[in-house]
PDB file of N, CA and C in Angstrom:
ATOM      1  N   MET A   1     -44.136 -94.066-174.548  1.00  0.00           N
ATOM      2  CA  MET A   1     -43.289 -92.971-174.962  1.00  0.00           C
ATOM      3  C   MET A   1     -43.965 -91.639-174.672  1.00  0.00           C
ATOM      4  N   LYS A   2     -45.300 -91.586-174.825  1.00  0.00           N
ATOM      5  CA  LYS A   2     -46.005 -90.339-174.553  1.00  0.00           C
ATOM      6  C   LYS A   2     -45.822 -89.903-173.106  1.00  0.00           C
ATOM      7  N   VAL A   3     -45.885 -90.843-172.192  1.00  0.00           N
ATOM      8  CA  VAL A   3     -45.760 -90.517-170.769  1.00  0.00           C
ATOM      9  C   VAL A   3     -44.332 -90.093-170.449  1.00  0.00           C
ATOM     10  N   ALA A   4     -43.368 -90.813-170.954  1.00  0.00           N
ATOM     11  CA  ALA A   4     -41.971 -90.516-170.650  1.00  0.00           C
ATOM     12  C   ALA A   4     -41.526 -89.176-171.230  1.00  0.00           C
ATOM     13  N   CYS A   5     -41.989 -88.847-172.413  1.00  0.00           N
ATOM     14  CA  CYS A   5     -41.560 -87.617-173.074  1.00  0.00           C
ATOM     15  C   CYS A   5     -42.511 -86.457-172.843  1.00  0.00           C
ATOM     16  N   ASP A   6     -43.686 -86.739-172.297  1.00  0.00           N
ATOM     17  CA  ASP A   6     -44.700 -85.716-172.032  1.00  0.00           C
ATOM     18  C   ASP A   6     -45.008 -84.906-173.291  1.00  0.00           C
ATOM     19  N   GLN A   7     -45.157 -85.624-174.410  1.00  0.00           N
ATOM     20  CA  GLN A   7     -45.446 -84.959-175.676  1.00  0.00           C
ATOM     21  C   GLN A   7     -46.340 -85.859-176.526  1.00  0.00           C
ATOM     22  N   ASP A   8     -47.396 -85.282-177.082  1.00  0.00           N
ATOM     23  CA  ASP A   8     -48.289 -86.026-177.968  1.00  0.00           C
ATOM     24  C   ASP A   8     -47.718 -86.040-179.377  1.00  0.00           C
ATOM     25  N   PRO A   9     -48.071 -87.061-180.166  1.00  0.00           N
ATOM     26  CA  PRO A   9     -47.619 -87.080-181.550  1.00  0.00           C
ATOM     27  C   PRO A   9     -48.340 -86.008-182.364  1.00  0.00           C
ATOM     28  N   SER A  10     -47.771 -85.627-183.475  1.00  0.00           N
ATOM     29  CA  SER A  10     -48.377 -84.619-184.350  1.00  0.00           C
ATOM     30  C   SER A  10     -49.424 -85.233-185.275  1.00  0.00           C
ATOM     31  N   PHE A  11     -49.714 -86.506-185.119  1.00  0.00           N
ATOM     32  CA  PHE A  11     -50.664 -87.218-185.972  1.00  0.00           C
ATOM     33  C   PHE A  11     -51.553 -88.106-185.109  1.00  0.00           C
ATOM     34  N   ASN A  12     -52.639 -88.570-185.690  1.00  0.00           N
ATOM     35  CA  ASN A  12     -53.512 -89.527-185.016  1.00  0.00           C
ATOM     36  C   ASN A  12     -53.163 -90.922-185.505  1.00  0.00           C
ATOM     37  N   PRO A  13     -52.754 -91.804-184.613  1.00  0.00           N
ATOM     38  CA  PRO A  13     -52.388 -93.147-185.050  1.00  0.00           C
ATOM     39  C   PRO A  13     -53.587 -93.885-185.639  1.00  0.00           C
ATOM     40  N   SER A  14     -53.335 -94.666-186.662  1.00  0.00           N
ATOM     41  CA  SER A  14     -54.396 -95.470-187.264  1.00  0.00           C
ATOM     42  C   SER A  14     -53.784 -96.651-187.999  1.00  0.00           C
ATOM     43  N   ALA A  15     -54.612 -97.618-188.267  1.00  0.00           N
ATOM     44  CA  ALA A  15     -54.171 -98.820-188.987  1.00  0.00           C
ATOM     45  C   ALA A  15     -54.694 -98.799-190.417  1.00  0.00           C
ATOM     46  N   HIS A  16     -54.745 -97.620-191.030  1.00  0.00           N
ATOM     47  CA  HIS A  16     -55.311 -97.506-192.370  1.00  0.00           C
ATOM     48  C   HIS A  16     -54.525 -98.261-193.428  1.00  0.00           C
ATOM     49  N   ASP A  17     -53.285 -98.593-193.157  1.00  0.00           N
ATOM     50  CA  ASP A  17     -52.471 -99.339-194.123  1.00  0.00           C
ATOM     51  C   ASP A  17     -52.805-100.828-194.146  1.00  0.00           C
ATOM     52  N   TYR A  18     -53.676-101.262-193.238  1.00  0.00           N
ATOM     53  CA  TYR A  18     -53.981-102.679-193.116  1.00  0.00           C
ATOM     54  C   TYR A  18     -55.316-103.054-193.755  1.00  0.00           C
ATOM     55  N   GLY A  19     -55.662-102.435-194.855  1.00  0.00           N
ATOM     56  CA  GLY A  19     -56.838-102.807-195.616  1.00  0.00           C
ATOM     57  C   GLY A  19     -58.080-102.024-195.239  1.00  0.00           C
ATOM     58  N   LYS A  20     -59.201-102.448-195.818  1.00  0.00           N
ATOM     59  CA  LYS A  20     -60.470-101.744-195.632  1.00  0.00           C
ATOM     60  C   LYS A  20     -60.910-101.727-194.175  1.00  0.00           C
ATOM     61  N   LEU A  21     -60.770-102.841-193.496  1.00  0.00           N
ATOM     62  CA  LEU A  21     -61.193-102.913-192.100  1.00  0.00           C
ATOM     63  C   LEU A  21     -60.353-101.982-191.229  1.00  0.00           C
ATOM     64  N   GLY A  22     -59.089-101.855-191.540  1.00  0.00           N
ATOM     65  CA  GLY A  22     -58.212-100.954-190.794  1.00  0.00           C
ATOM     66  C   GLY A  22     -58.591 -99.500-190.971  1.00  0.00           C
ATOM     67  N   LYS A  23     -59.154 -99.151-192.131  1.00  0.00           N
ATOM     68  CA  LYS A  23     -59.573 -97.771-192.368  1.00  0.00           C
ATOM     69  C   LYS A  23     -60.729 -97.385-191.454  1.00  0.00           C
ATOM     70  N   PHE A  24     -61.624 -98.326-191.189  1.00  0.00           N
ATOM     71  CA  PHE A  24     -62.806 -98.017-190.394  1.00  0.00           C
ATOM     72  C   PHE A  24     -62.604 -98.279-188.906  1.00  0.00           C
ATOM     73  N   LEU A  25     -61.939 -99.357-188.569  1.00  0.00           N
ATOM     74  CA  LEU A  25     -61.784 -99.746-187.172  1.00  0.00           C
ATOM     75  C   LEU A  25     -60.420 -99.440-186.606  1.00  0.00           C
ATOM     76  N   GLY A  26     -59.506 -99.003-187.433  1.00  0.00           N
ATOM     77  CA  GLY A  26     -58.119 -98.860-187.008  1.00  0.00           C
ATOM     78  C   GLY A  26     -57.727 -97.526-186.423  1.00  0.00           C
ATOM     79  N   ARG A  27     -58.670 -96.645-186.164  1.00  0.00           N
ATOM     80  CA  ARG A  27     -58.316 -95.350-185.578  1.00  0.00           C
ATOM     81  C   ARG A  27     -57.859 -95.530-184.141  1.00  0.00           C
ATOM     82  N   GLY A  28     -56.736 -94.930-183.811  1.00  0.00           N
ATOM     83  CA  GLY A  28     -56.201 -95.020-182.457  1.00  0.00           C
ATOM     84  C   GLY A  28     -55.333 -96.233-182.199  1.00  0.00           C
ATOM     85  N   ILE A  29     -55.110 -97.046-183.216  1.00  0.00           N
ATOM     86  CA  ILE A  29     -54.282 -98.241-183.061  1.00  0.00           C
ATOM     87  C   ILE A  29     -52.849 -97.911-183.460  1.00  0.00           C
ATOM     88  N   TRP A  30     -51.932 -98.232-182.573  1.00  0.00           N
ATOM     89  CA  TRP A  30     -50.515 -97.992-182.834  1.00  0.00           C
ATOM     90  C   TRP A  30     -49.919 -99.190-183.558  1.00  0.00           C
ATOM     91  N   THR A  31     -49.613 -99.021-184.829  1.00  0.00           N
ATOM     92  CA  THR A  31     -48.954-100.067-185.607  1.00  0.00           C
ATOM     93  C   THR A  31     -47.439 -99.861-185.494  1.00  0.00           C
ATOM     94  N   PRO A  32     -46.652-100.840-185.887  1.00  0.00           N
ATOM     95  CA  PRO A  32     -45.193-100.653-185.851  1.00  0.00           C
ATOM     96  C   PRO A  32     -44.730 -99.420-186.626  1.00  0.00           C
ATOM     97  N   ASN A  33     -45.354 -99.132-187.758  1.00  0.00           N
ATOM     98  CA  ASN A  33     -44.976 -97.946-188.536  1.00  0.00           C
ATOM     99  C   ASN A  33     -45.305 -96.657-187.790  1.00  0.00           C
ATOM    100  N   GLU A  34     -46.440 -96.640-187.089  1.00  0.00           N
ATOM    101  CA  GLU A  34     -46.826 -95.458-186.327  1.00  0.00           C
ATOM    102  C   GLU A  34     -45.864 -95.239-185.154  1.00  0.00           C
ATOM    103  N   ILE A  35     -45.447 -96.294-184.507  1.00  0.00           N
ATOM    104  CA  ILE A  35     -44.500 -96.176-183.394  1.00  0.00           C
ATOM    105  C   ILE A  35     -43.161 -95.638-183.889  1.00  0.00           C
ATOM    106  N   LEU A  36     -42.697 -96.144-185.018  1.00  0.00           N
ATOM    107  CA  LEU A  36     -41.438 -95.657-185.595  1.00  0.00           C
ATOM    108  C   LEU A  36     -41.552 -94.190-185.982  1.00  0.00           C
ATOM    109  N   ARG A  37     -42.665 -93.811-186.559  1.00  0.00           N
ATOM    110  CA  ARG A  37     -42.889 -92.416-186.943  1.00  0.00           C
ATOM    111  C   ARG A  37     -42.847 -91.501-185.718  1.00  0.00           C
ATOM    112  N   TYR A  38     -43.486 -91.919-184.646  1.00  0.00           N
ATOM    113  CA  TYR A  38     -43.505 -91.129-183.415  1.00  0.00           C
ATOM    114  C   TYR A  38     -42.108 -91.054-182.793  1.00  0.00           C
ATOM    115  N   ALA A  39     -41.391 -92.154-182.807  1.00  0.00           N
ATOM    116  CA  ALA A  39     -40.030 -92.167-182.268  1.00  0.00           C
ATOM    117  C   ALA A  39     -39.126 -91.227-183.063  1.00  0.00           C
ATOM    118  N   ARG A  40     -39.302 -91.189-184.363  1.00  0.00           N
ATOM    119  CA  ARG A  40     -38.501 -90.275-185.191  1.00  0.00           C
ATOM    120  C   ARG A  40     -38.853 -88.819-184.902  1.00  0.00           C
ATOM    121  N   GLU A  41     -40.139 -88.551-184.680  1.00  0.00           N
ATOM    122  CA  GLU A  41     -40.536 -87.189-184.303  1.00  0.00           C
ATOM    123  C   GLU A  41     -39.846 -86.773-183.013  1.00  0.00           C
ATOM    124  N   LEU A  42     -39.858 -87.659-182.039  1.00  0.00           N
ATOM    125  CA  LEU A  42     -39.245 -87.351-180.748  1.00  0.00           C
ATOM    126  C   LEU A  42     -37.737 -87.163-180.885  1.00  0.00           C
ATOM    127  N   SER A  43     -37.101 -87.990-181.692  1.00  0.00           N
ATOM    128  CA  SER A  43     -35.653 -87.882-181.819  1.00  0.00           C
ATOM    129  C   SER A  43     -35.252 -86.619-182.574  1.00  0.00           C
ATOM    130  N   ASP A  44     -36.094 -86.138-183.482  1.00  0.00           N
ATOM    131  CA  ASP A  44     -35.804 -84.893-184.194  1.00  0.00           C
ATOM    132  C   ASP A  44     -35.875 -83.693-183.256  1.00  0.00           C
ATOM    133  N   GLN A  45     -36.677 -83.791-182.216  1.00  0.00           N
ATOM    134  CA  GLN A  45     -36.854 -82.671-181.294  1.00  0.00           C
ATOM    135  C   GLN A  45     -35.906 -82.733-180.107  1.00  0.00           C
ATOM    136  N   THR A  46     -35.211 -83.836-179.953  1.00  0.00           N
ATOM    137  CA  THR A  46     -34.285 -83.982-178.837  1.00  0.00           C
ATOM    138  C   THR A  46     -32.986 -83.277-179.163  1.00  0.00           C
ATOM    139  N   LYS A  47     -32.532 -82.467-178.256  1.00  0.00           N
ATOM    140  CA  LYS A  47     -31.263 -81.765-178.459  1.00  0.00           C
ATOM    141  C   LYS A  47     -30.220 -82.370-177.546  1.00  0.00           C
ATOM    142  N   TRP A  48     -29.159 -82.850-178.133  1.00  0.00           N
ATOM    143  CA  TRP A  48     -28.107 -83.511-177.354  1.00  0.00           C
ATOM    144  C   TRP A  48     -27.093 -82.523-176.959  1.00  0.00           C
TER     145      TRP A  48
END
């Protein structure tokens, strides 16, 4: 989505919701919730 829309998300993706290990190792991991959040950001900025 980043390549197609040429826009970075307003947040840093992470897996912090997946427990202690996700807090430390999960930086930069796109979880389903992060993808949905980014898609919603893009759709809010799209003007039809």
